Amino acid sequence: MAQDDEKFKIGFVFFPHLTQLDFAGPYEVFARVPGVQVFLTAKEKGPVISETGLTLIANDFFQSTPQLDLICVPGGMGTLAASADEETLAFLRSQVDKAKWVTSVCTGSLILGAAGLLNGYRAVTHWTSMDILPFVGAIPVEERVVKDRNRITGGGMTSGIDFGLYVVGEIFGTELAEIMQLIMEYNPKPPFKSGHPSEAPSAIVEKVRYLGSADHQKWLDFYSTLKF
């Protein structure tokens, strides 16, 4: 069994009002890989409340987190606050030079972008926020998972499972990724074709846009002030 200093270290960055599914999908993949050590890190150890009220526990904090091989930032309604939090951005910047992989799921890419870590990189985020990526210097790409050099970004929420399997395939090989997929019985057959605006009925797309329009404008106003 690998000693802790020999393990491949993966860290998820926690912040208040993150989307639990952004983290849980890839966590289920990564935590099952032999020789991997997973850190759930935040500004302080202890409970972190997700955007839907689920309590998560950060088992580490920024100042004690070792150098990570892979860092992953989830998204959620707390993305805007995290993007403006200098302690969170400083932690990401402190890790990036020696990290082998810098990654995100959903609007976590906007936090990476706010830290200046996606400038000139192809990236994806939740479909409702794709128009914000250029404000942080990123090149928007409409794919489920996007890899550009050592940056890997996943789309919205459920894409975290796809993202996790993709990452395992890139780092540890296709066979292990396929084993993980089978263990998880990841064989999605959604009951409706409304999982992306390219397939969803136009009326449903417009309702979702309307429901998020006020918050989206706040996000646009903030990210438009950043200079990259």
Protein backbone atom coordinates (compact mmCIF):
# COMPACT_ATOMS: atom_id res chain seq x y z
CA MET A 1 0.00 0.00 0.00
CA ALA A 2 1.31 3.44 -0.96
CA GLN A 3 2.45 5.76 1.83
CA ASP A 4 0.67 9.13 2.03
CA ASP A 5 3.61 10.96 0.46
CA GLU A 6 3.51 8.55 -2.48
CA LYS A 7 -0.21 8.80 -3.13
CA PHE A 8 -1.74 10.81 -5.97
CA LYS A 9 -3.30 13.74 -4.13
CA ILE A 10 -6.64 15.16 -5.29
CA GLY A 11 -8.24 18.15 -3.62
CA PHE A 12 -11.79 19.47 -3.91
CA VAL A 13 -12.24 23.11 -2.94
CA PHE A 14 -15.28 23.68 -0.73
CA PHE A 15 -17.11 26.97 -0.23
CA PRO A 16 -20.55 27.91 1.09
CA HIS A 17 -23.48 27.18 -1.23
CA LEU A 18 -21.60 24.91 -3.62
CA THR A 19 -23.57 22.39 -5.66
CA GLN A 20 -23.21 19.03 -3.93
CA LEU A 21 -23.59 17.07 -7.17
CA ASP A 22 -20.68 18.92 -8.80
CA PHE A 23 -18.45 17.43 -6.12
CA ALA A 24 -20.16 14.10 -5.41
CA GLY A 25 -20.03 12.74 -8.96
CA PRO A 26 -16.27 12.97 -9.47
CA TYR A 27 -15.60 12.19 -5.80
CA GLU A 28 -17.29 8.80 -6.19
CA VAL A 29 -14.97 8.09 -9.11
CA PHE A 30 -11.71 9.40 -7.65
CA ALA A 31 -12.14 7.97 -4.15
CA ARG A 32 -12.33 4.42 -5.56
CA VAL A 33 -9.01 4.66 -7.43
CA PRO A 34 -6.19 2.75 -5.68
CA GLY A 35 -3.33 4.96 -4.55
CA VAL A 36 -5.39 8.16 -4.49
CA GLN A 37 -5.76 10.41 -1.45
CA VAL A 38 -8.67 12.87 -1.54
CA PHE A 39 -8.72 16.16 0.37
CA LEU A 40 -11.89 18.17 0.93
CA THR A 41 -10.42 21.57 1.66
CA ALA A 42 -11.93 24.92 2.60
CA LYS A 43 -10.99 28.12 4.39
CA GLU A 44 -11.73 26.31 7.65
CA LYS A 45 -12.28 22.67 8.59
CA GLY A 46 -15.80 21.63 9.45
CA PRO A 47 -19.31 21.87 8.01
CA VAL A 48 -19.99 23.55 4.69
CA ILE A 49 -23.62 24.02 3.67
CA SER A 50 -24.48 23.27 0.05
CA GLU A 51 -26.86 25.42 -1.98
CA THR A 52 -29.72 23.02 -1.21
CA GLY A 53 -28.97 22.81 2.52
CA LEU A 54 -27.00 19.57 2.61
CA THR A 55 -24.16 19.66 5.14
CA LEU A 56 -20.76 18.61 3.84
CA ILE A 57 -17.63 18.34 5.96
CA ALA A 58 -14.30 19.82 4.91
CA ASN A 59 -11.56 17.54 6.29
CA ASP A 60 -8.76 20.02 5.65
CA PHE A 61 -8.19 23.75 5.32
CA PHE A 62 -6.19 25.81 2.84
CA GLN A 63 -3.15 26.47 5.02
CA SER A 64 -2.58 22.79 5.84
CA THR A 65 -3.42 21.28 2.44
CA PRO A 66 -0.31 19.75 0.84
CA GLN A 67 0.70 20.27 -2.73
CA LEU A 68 -1.99 18.60 -4.82
CA ASP A 69 -1.49 16.60 -7.99
CA LEU A 70 -5.00 17.49 -9.10
CA ILE A 71 -7.20 20.30 -7.86
CA CYS A 72 -10.93 20.38 -8.61
CA VAL A 73 -13.33 23.27 -8.08
CA PRO A 74 -17.08 22.62 -8.08
CA GLY A 75 -19.65 25.30 -8.84
CA GLY A 76 -22.96 26.36 -7.38
CA MET A 77 -24.82 29.42 -6.18
CA GLY A 78 -21.79 30.31 -4.06
CA THR A 79 -19.60 30.67 -7.15
CA LEU A 80 -19.89 34.45 -7.27
CA ALA A 81 -18.84 34.90 -3.64
CA ALA A 82 -15.98 32.40 -4.03
CA SER A 83 -14.80 34.22 -7.16
CA ALA A 84 -14.50 37.41 -5.13
CA ASP A 85 -12.84 35.76 -2.13
CA GLU A 86 -9.13 36.55 -2.15
CA GLU A 87 -8.24 33.72 0.23
CA THR A 88 -9.85 31.16 -2.08
CA LEU A 89 -8.22 32.64 -5.18
CA ALA A 90 -4.83 32.82 -3.44
CA PHE A 91 -5.05 29.14 -2.53
CA LEU A 92 -5.76 28.19 -6.14
CA ARG A 93 -2.88 30.30 -7.40
CA SER A 94 -0.53 28.80 -4.81
CA GLN A 95 -1.31 25.29 -6.05
CA VAL A 96 -1.35 25.78 -9.78
CA ASP A 97 2.38 25.90 -10.61
CA LYS A 98 3.13 22.42 -9.24
CA ALA A 99 -0.26 20.75 -9.75
CA LYS A 100 -0.28 18.28 -12.60
CA TRP A 101 -3.95 18.95 -13.35
CA VAL A 102 -6.20 21.97 -12.73
CA THR A 103 -9.87 21.12 -13.10
CA SER A 104 -13.45 22.14 -12.42
CA VAL A 105 -17.06 21.08 -12.76
CA CYS A 106 -19.98 23.34 -13.69
CA THR A 107 -19.44 27.01 -12.73
CA GLY A 108 -16.30 26.06 -10.85
CA SER A 109 -14.56 27.05 -14.08
CA LEU A 110 -15.58 30.65 -13.38
CA ILE A 111 -13.74 30.51 -10.05
CA LEU A 112 -10.65 29.17 -11.82
CA GLY A 113 -11.10 31.98 -14.31
CA ALA A 114 -11.42 34.61 -11.60
CA ALA A 115 -8.07 33.38 -10.25
CA GLY A 116 -6.58 33.95 -13.71
CA LEU A 117 -6.09 30.25 -14.37
CA LEU A 118 -8.08 29.86 -17.59
CA ASN A 119 -6.67 32.73 -19.61
CA GLY A 120 -6.23 31.40 -23.15
CA TYR A 121 -7.60 27.95 -22.31
CA ARG A 122 -10.54 26.21 -23.91
CA ALA A 123 -13.18 25.49 -21.27
CA VAL A 124 -16.80 24.66 -20.54
CA THR A 125 -19.19 25.51 -17.72
CA HIS A 126 -22.92 25.20 -17.02
CA TRP A 127 -24.82 26.06 -20.21
CA THR A 128 -26.44 29.12 -18.61
CA SER A 129 -23.01 30.64 -17.93
CA MET A 130 -21.12 29.90 -21.15
CA ASP A 131 -21.30 33.57 -22.12
CA ILE A 132 -19.33 34.51 -19.01
CA LEU A 133 -16.24 32.45 -19.85
CA PRO A 134 -14.75 35.08 -22.21
CA PHE A 135 -14.80 37.61 -19.36
CA VAL A 136 -12.20 35.47 -17.56
CA GLY A 137 -10.10 34.95 -20.67
CA ALA A 138 -11.34 31.46 -21.47
CA ILE A 139 -12.41 30.13 -24.86
CA PRO A 140 -15.93 28.62 -24.57
CA VAL A 141 -16.38 25.14 -26.02
CA GLU A 142 -19.78 23.40 -26.11
CA GLU A 143 -18.71 19.95 -24.95
CA ARG A 144 -19.53 17.76 -21.96
CA VAL A 145 -15.87 17.68 -20.91
CA VAL A 146 -13.10 19.88 -22.31
CA LYS A 147 -9.35 19.25 -22.01
CA ASP A 148 -6.78 21.89 -22.91
CA ARG A 149 -3.25 21.02 -21.87
CA ASN A 150 -3.46 20.35 -18.11
CA ARG A 151 -6.84 22.03 -17.67
CA ILE A 152 -9.93 19.81 -17.67
CA THR A 153 -13.37 21.36 -17.21
CA GLY A 154 -16.76 19.69 -17.00
CA GLY A 155 -20.16 21.09 -17.89
CA GLY A 156 -23.13 21.42 -15.58
CA MET A 157 -23.75 19.28 -12.50
CA THR A 158 -24.35 15.74 -13.80
CA SER A 159 -21.39 16.05 -16.17
CA GLY A 160 -19.22 15.60 -13.06
CA ILE A 161 -19.48 11.83 -13.46
CA ASP A 162 -18.41 12.03 -17.10
CA PHE A 163 -15.65 14.40 -16.05
CA GLY A 164 -14.44 12.06 -13.31
CA LEU A 165 -14.28 9.06 -15.61
CA TYR A 166 -12.57 11.12 -18.30
CA VAL A 167 -9.93 12.28 -15.81
CA VAL A 168 -9.27 8.74 -14.59
CA GLY A 169 -8.91 7.61 -18.20
CA GLU A 170 -6.40 10.39 -18.90
CA ILE A 171 -4.29 9.80 -15.80
CA PHE A 172 -4.64 6.10 -15.01
CA GLY A 173 -5.73 4.59 -18.31
CA THR A 174 -8.91 3.62 -20.12
CA GLU A 175 -9.20 0.19 -18.55
CA LEU A 176 -9.41 1.55 -15.00
CA ALA A 177 -11.92 4.19 -16.10
CA GLU A 178 -14.09 1.49 -17.65
CA ILE A 179 -13.84 -0.58 -14.48
CA MET A 180 -14.97 2.42 -12.43
CA GLN A 181 -17.85 3.09 -14.79
CA LEU A 182 -19.05 -0.50 -14.48
CA ILE A 183 -18.68 -0.53 -10.69
CA MET A 184 -20.86 2.59 -10.56
CA GLU A 185 -23.25 1.11 -13.13
CA TYR A 186 -23.10 4.42 -14.94
CA ASN A 187 -25.40 3.70 -17.85
CA PRO A 188 -27.66 6.77 -18.03
CA LYS A 189 -31.01 6.59 -19.78
CA PRO A 190 -32.82 9.79 -18.74
CA PRO A 191 -36.61 9.72 -18.90
CA PHE A 192 -36.79 13.01 -20.81
CA LYS A 193 -34.75 14.68 -23.54
CA SER A 194 -34.41 17.99 -21.73
CA GLY A 195 -30.90 17.77 -20.29
CA HIS A 196 -29.38 20.39 -22.59
CA PRO A 197 -30.83 23.40 -24.45
CA SER A 198 -29.88 21.77 -27.73
CA GLU A 199 -32.46 19.03 -27.00
CA ALA A 200 -34.94 20.52 -24.53
CA PRO A 201 -38.25 22.03 -25.71
CA SER A 202 -37.82 25.74 -26.32
CA ALA A 203 -40.50 26.60 -23.76
CA ILE A 204 -38.55 24.73 -21.07
CA VAL A 205 -35.31 26.47 -22.05
CA GLU A 206 -36.97 29.88 -21.78
CA LYS A 207 -38.45 29.08 -18.37
CA VAL A 208 -35.03 28.07 -17.04
CA ARG A 209 -33.47 31.21 -18.46
CA TYR A 210 -36.20 33.32 -16.87
CA LEU A 211 -35.77 31.67 -13.47
CA GLY A 212 -32.06 32.44 -13.46
CA SER A 213 -32.08 35.79 -15.24
CA ALA A 214 -31.67 38.04 -12.17
CA ASP A 215 -28.76 36.06 -10.75
CA HIS A 216 -27.20 35.75 -14.18
CA GLN A 217 -27.12 39.53 -14.54
CA LYS A 218 -25.35 39.80 -11.19
CA TRP A 219 -22.76 37.31 -12.41
CA LEU A 220 -22.29 39.18 -15.68
CA ASP A 221 -21.86 42.47 -13.84
CA PHE A 222 -19.18 40.99 -11.58
CA TYR A 223 -17.14 39.05 -14.13
CA SER A 224 -17.22 41.93 -16.60
CA THR A 225 -15.13 43.92 -14.10
CA LEU A 226 -12.28 41.38 -14.26
CA LYS A 227 -9.41 42.07 -16.64
CA PHE A 228 -7.53 39.30 -18.43
